[in-house]
C-alpha atoms as a PDB file:
ATOM      1  CA  MET A   1      83.114  97.712 103.276  1.00  0.00           C
ATOM      2  CA  TRP A   2      85.723  95.869 104.625  1.00  0.00           C
ATOM      3  CA  ILE A   3      89.192  97.914 103.110  1.00  0.00           C
ATOM      4  CA  GLN A   4      86.912 100.783 104.194  1.00  0.00           C
ATOM      5  CA  GLU A   5      87.693 100.004 107.509  1.00  0.00           C
ATOM      6  CA  GLU A   6      91.459  99.010 106.661  1.00  0.00           C
ATOM      7  CA  ILE A   7      91.919 102.593 105.811  1.00  0.00           C
ATOM      8  CA  VAL A   8      90.630 103.902 108.592  1.00  0.00           C
ATOM      9  CA  ALA A   9      92.220 101.823 110.752  1.00  0.00           C
ATOM     10  CA  ALA A  10      95.187 102.935 108.847  1.00  0.00           C
ATOM     11  CA  ILE A  11      94.371 106.259 108.970  1.00  0.00           C
ATOM     12  CA  ASN A  12      93.826 106.060 112.862  1.00  0.00           C
ATOM     13  CA  LYS A  13      96.887 104.042 113.568  1.00  0.00           C
ATOM     14  CA  LEU A  14      99.364 106.960 111.564  1.00  0.00           C
ATOM     15  CA  GLU A  15      97.693 109.521 112.869  1.00  0.00           C
ATOM     16  CA  LEU A  16      97.438 111.286 109.877  1.00  0.00           C
ATOM     17  CA  ASN A  17      95.281 113.786 108.894  1.00  0.00           C
ATOM     18  CA  ALA A  18      92.716 112.871 106.340  1.00  0.00           C
ATOM     19  CA  THR A  19      88.841 113.165 105.810  1.00  0.00           C
ATOM     20  CA  GLU A  20      86.192 110.722 104.479  1.00  0.00           C
ATOM     21  CA  VAL A  21      84.445 111.662 101.046  1.00  0.00           C
ATOM     22  CA  ALA A  22      80.731 111.850 101.748  1.00  0.00           C
ATOM     23  CA  LYS A  23      78.654 109.320  99.887  1.00  0.00           C
ATOM     24  CA  PRO A  24      76.922 112.064  97.510  1.00  0.00           C
ATOM     25  CA  ASP A  25      79.849 113.668  96.162  1.00  0.00           C
ATOM     26  CA  LEU A  26      81.259 110.282  95.648  1.00  0.00           C
ATOM     27  CA  LYS A  27      78.550 109.712  93.051  1.00  0.00           C
ATOM     28  CA  TYR A  28      79.496 112.909  91.223  1.00  0.00           C
ATOM     29  CA  ILE A  29      83.320 112.449  91.385  1.00  0.00           C
ATOM     30  CA  PHE A  30      82.499 108.557  90.197  1.00  0.00           C
ATOM     31  CA  ASP A  31      80.402 110.115  87.346  1.00  0.00           C
ATOM     32  CA  GLU A  32      82.594 113.043  86.237  1.00  0.00           C
ATOM     33  CA  LEU A  33      85.624 111.310  86.236  1.00  0.00           C
ATOM     34  CA  THR A  34      84.078 108.575  83.930  1.00  0.00           C
ATOM     35  CA  ARG A  35      82.390 110.779  82.089  1.00  0.00           C
ATOM     36  CA  THR A  36      86.160 112.663  81.314  1.00  0.00           C
ATOM     37  CA  PHE A  37      88.151 109.586  80.899  1.00  0.00           C
ATOM     38  CA  ALA A  38      86.162 106.896  80.082  1.00  0.00           C
ATOM     39  CA  GLU A  39      84.526 105.572  77.556  1.00  0.00           C
ATOM     40  CA  PRO A  40      81.155 104.128  78.159  1.00  0.00           C
ATOM     41  CA  GLY A  41      80.317  99.888  79.721  1.00  0.00           C
ATOM     42  CA  ASN A  42      79.845  97.764  82.149  1.00  0.00           C
ATOM     43  CA  GLN A  43      83.465  96.978  82.928  1.00  0.00           C
ATOM     44  CA  PRO A  44      85.263  98.138  85.742  1.00  0.00           C
ATOM     45  CA  LEU A  45      86.511 101.837  85.195  1.00  0.00           C
ATOM     46  CA  TRP A  46      90.148 101.340  84.858  1.00  0.00           C
ATOM     47  CA  GLU A  47      89.365  98.827  81.767  1.00  0.00           C
ATOM     48  CA  ARG A  48      87.645 101.763  80.344  1.00  0.00           C
ATOM     49  CA  LEU A  49      90.143 104.340  80.770  1.00  0.00           C
ATOM     50  CA  LYS A  50      91.104 106.329  77.751  1.00  0.00           C
ATOM     51  CA  GLU A  51      94.074 108.376  76.599  1.00  0.00           C
ATOM     52  CA  ARG A  52      96.133 106.495  79.494  1.00  0.00           C
ATOM     53  CA  THR A  53      99.659 105.253  80.036  1.00  0.00           C
ATOM     54  CA  SER A  54     100.676 102.930  82.096  1.00  0.00           C
ATOM     55  CA  ILE A  55     103.550 100.645  83.865  1.00  0.00           C
ATOM     56  CA  ARG A  56     103.393  97.059  85.135  1.00  0.00           C
ATOM     57  CA  ALA A  57     105.359  97.120  88.465  1.00  0.00           C
ATOM     58  CA  SER A  58     104.173  95.305  91.496  1.00  0.00           C
ATOM     59  CA  ASN A  59     104.552  98.436  94.006  1.00  0.00           C
ATOM     60  CA  GLY A  60     103.685 100.845  91.277  1.00  0.00           C
ATOM     61  CA  TRP A  61     101.748 102.136  93.888  1.00  0.00           C
ATOM     62  CA  ARG A  62     104.894 103.575  94.865  1.00  0.00           C
ATOM     63  CA  LYS A  63     104.995 105.983  92.358  1.00  0.00           C
ATOM     64  CA  ILE A  64     102.202 107.889  92.703  1.00  0.00           C
ATOM     65  CA  HIS A  65     103.608 110.350  95.160  1.00  0.00           C
ATOM     66  CA  ALA A  66     105.763 111.117  92.938  1.00  0.00           C
ATOM     67  CA  LEU A  67     103.355 111.902  89.883  1.00  0.00           C
ATOM     68  CA  VAL A  68     101.127 114.435  91.834  1.00  0.00           C
ATOM     69  CA  ILE A  69     101.548 117.373  93.958  1.00  0.00           C
ATOM     70  CA  GLY A  70      99.136 118.633  96.826  1.00  0.00           C
ATOM     71  CA  ARG A  71      95.843 116.959  98.140  1.00  0.00           C
ATOM     72  CA  VAL A  72      94.587 113.822  96.389  1.00  0.00           C
ATOM     73  CA  LEU A  73      91.684 111.431  96.544  1.00  0.00           C
ATOM     74  CA  LEU A  74      91.767 108.346  97.330  1.00  0.00           C
ATOM     75  CA  LEU A  75      88.919 106.429  95.922  1.00  0.00           C
ATOM     76  CA  VAL A  76      87.173 102.478  95.883  1.00  0.00           C
ATOM     77  CA  GLU A  77      84.754 101.152  94.156  1.00  0.00           C
ATOM     78  CA  ASP A  78      84.063  97.417  94.227  1.00  0.00           C
ATOM     79  CA  SER A  79      80.825  94.874  94.823  1.00  0.00           C
ATOM     80  CA  GLN A  80      80.672  95.860  98.168  1.00  0.00           C
ATOM     81  CA  GLY A  81      80.183  99.331  97.060  1.00  0.00           C
ATOM     82  CA  ARG A  82      82.188 102.779  97.011  1.00  0.00           C
ATOM     83  CA  CYS A  83      84.103 104.850  99.952  1.00  0.00           C
ATOM     84  CA  GLY A  84      86.629 107.876  99.788  1.00  0.00           C
ATOM     85  CA  PHE A  85      89.257 109.668 100.833  1.00  0.00           C
ATOM     86  CA  GLU A  86      91.048 112.637 101.236  1.00  0.00           C
ATOM     87  CA  PHE A  87      94.375 113.436 102.305  1.00  0.00           C
ATOM     88  CA  GLN A  88      96.453 116.216 102.330  1.00  0.00           C
ATOM     89  CA  GLU A  89      99.435 115.020 100.702  1.00  0.00           C
ATOM     90  CA  ALA A  90     100.381 111.761  98.553  1.00  0.00           C
ATOM     91  CA  SER A  91     102.722 110.576 100.775  1.00  0.00           C
ATOM     92  CA  ASP A  92     100.188 110.169 103.469  1.00  0.00           C
ATOM     93  CA  LEU A  93      98.476 108.112 100.492  1.00  0.00           C
ATOM     94  CA  GLU A  94     101.406 105.329  99.956  1.00  0.00           C
ATOM     95  CA  LEU A  95     101.879 105.926 104.327  1.00  0.00           C
ATOM     96  CA  VAL A  96      98.000 104.256 104.336  1.00  0.00           C
ATOM     97  CA  LEU A  97      98.520 102.376 100.878  1.00  0.00           C
ATOM     98  CA  GLU A  98     101.565 100.529 102.607  1.00  0.00           C
ATOM     99  CA  GLU A  99      99.309  99.684 105.437  1.00  0.00           C
ATOM    100  CA  THR A 100      96.490  97.839 103.780  1.00  0.00           C
ATOM    101  CA  SER A 101      95.878  94.547 101.887  1.00  0.00           C
ATOM    102  CA  GLY A 102      95.904  95.435  98.171  1.00  0.00           C
ATOM    103  CA  PHE A 103      93.267  96.182  96.729  1.00  0.00           C
ATOM    104  CA  VAL A 104      91.974  98.070  93.139  1.00  0.00           C
ATOM    105  CA  PHE A 105      92.048 102.105  93.794  1.00  0.00           C
ATOM    106  CA  TYR A 106      91.454 105.229  91.978  1.00  0.00           C
ATOM    107  CA  VAL A 107      93.725 108.848  92.685  1.00  0.00           C
ATOM    108  CA  THR A 108      93.285 111.808  91.880  1.00  0.00           C
ATOM    109  CA  ASN A 109      92.756 115.566  92.857  1.00  0.00           C
ATOM    110  CA  PRO A 110      89.949 117.748  94.004  1.00  0.00           C
ATOM    111  CA  GLU A 111      89.566 119.626  90.707  1.00  0.00           C
ATOM    112  CA  LEU A 112      89.371 115.791  89.131  1.00  0.00           C
ATOM    113  CA  THR A 113      92.006 116.854  86.244  1.00  0.00           C
ATOM    114  CA  TYR A 114      93.627 113.127  85.961  1.00  0.00           C
ATOM    115  CA  ILE A 115      92.791 109.712  87.114  1.00  0.00           C
ATOM    116  CA  ILE A 116      95.323 107.523  88.476  1.00  0.00           C
ATOM    117  CA  SER A 117      94.017 104.056  88.692  1.00  0.00           C
ATOM    118  CA  PHE A 118      96.254 100.503  90.295  1.00  0.00           C
ATOM    119  CA  ASN A 119      94.700  97.298  89.628  1.00  0.00           C
ATOM    120  CA  ASP A 120      94.784  93.904  90.405  1.00  0.00           C
ATOM    121  CA  HIS A 121      96.875  93.130  87.765  1.00  0.00           C
ATOM    122  CA  ASP A 122      99.805  95.532  89.362  1.00  0.00           C
ATOM    123  CA  VAL A 123      99.228  98.116  86.530  1.00  0.00           C
ATOM    124  CA  LEU A 124      99.418 101.687  87.244  1.00  0.00           C
ATOM    125  CA  ILE A 125      97.174 103.408  84.693  1.00  0.00           C
ATOM    126  CA  GLY A 126      96.764 107.041  84.038  1.00  0.00           C
ATOM    127  CA  SER A 127      94.849 109.704  82.179  1.00  0.00           C
ATOM    128  CA  GLY A 128      94.419 113.104  81.954  1.00  0.00           C
ATOM    129  CA  SER A 129      96.964 115.589  83.106  1.00  0.00           C
ATOM    130  CA  VAL A 130      99.004 112.698  84.711  1.00  0.00           C
ATOM    131  CA  SER A 131     101.391 110.734  82.552  1.00  0.00           C
ATOM    132  CA  ILE A 132     102.916 107.284  83.915  1.00  0.00           C
ATOM    133  CA  LYS A 133     105.999 106.479  82.727  1.00  0.00           C
END
């Protein structure tokens, strides 16, 4: 997965403390996020999020660190598969996103109480215990 390689390279370059999420855990996380925050369907998860707030902003991903506190999970799902990384702080996530090319991603906390997505239309979307303004 090309984006996984980019993320790992950025983490290493920045010498951040981040850990890769195990594949079995990724399935559980995506299943729970889908069950809790999305309508059924075959479209990308961000298209199916219910009870959501959103804004359109080309650098909307820069707002994430102001919306959440503590550990965050960065999740990617595309035609090549899934990958995920846990960061101790959302500010570390922002540093990694600055170093990578654009891609659709999701952010949540280890308790899975919210989901944030930034999509290929430059829309930042939130559902659950986070509100995008």
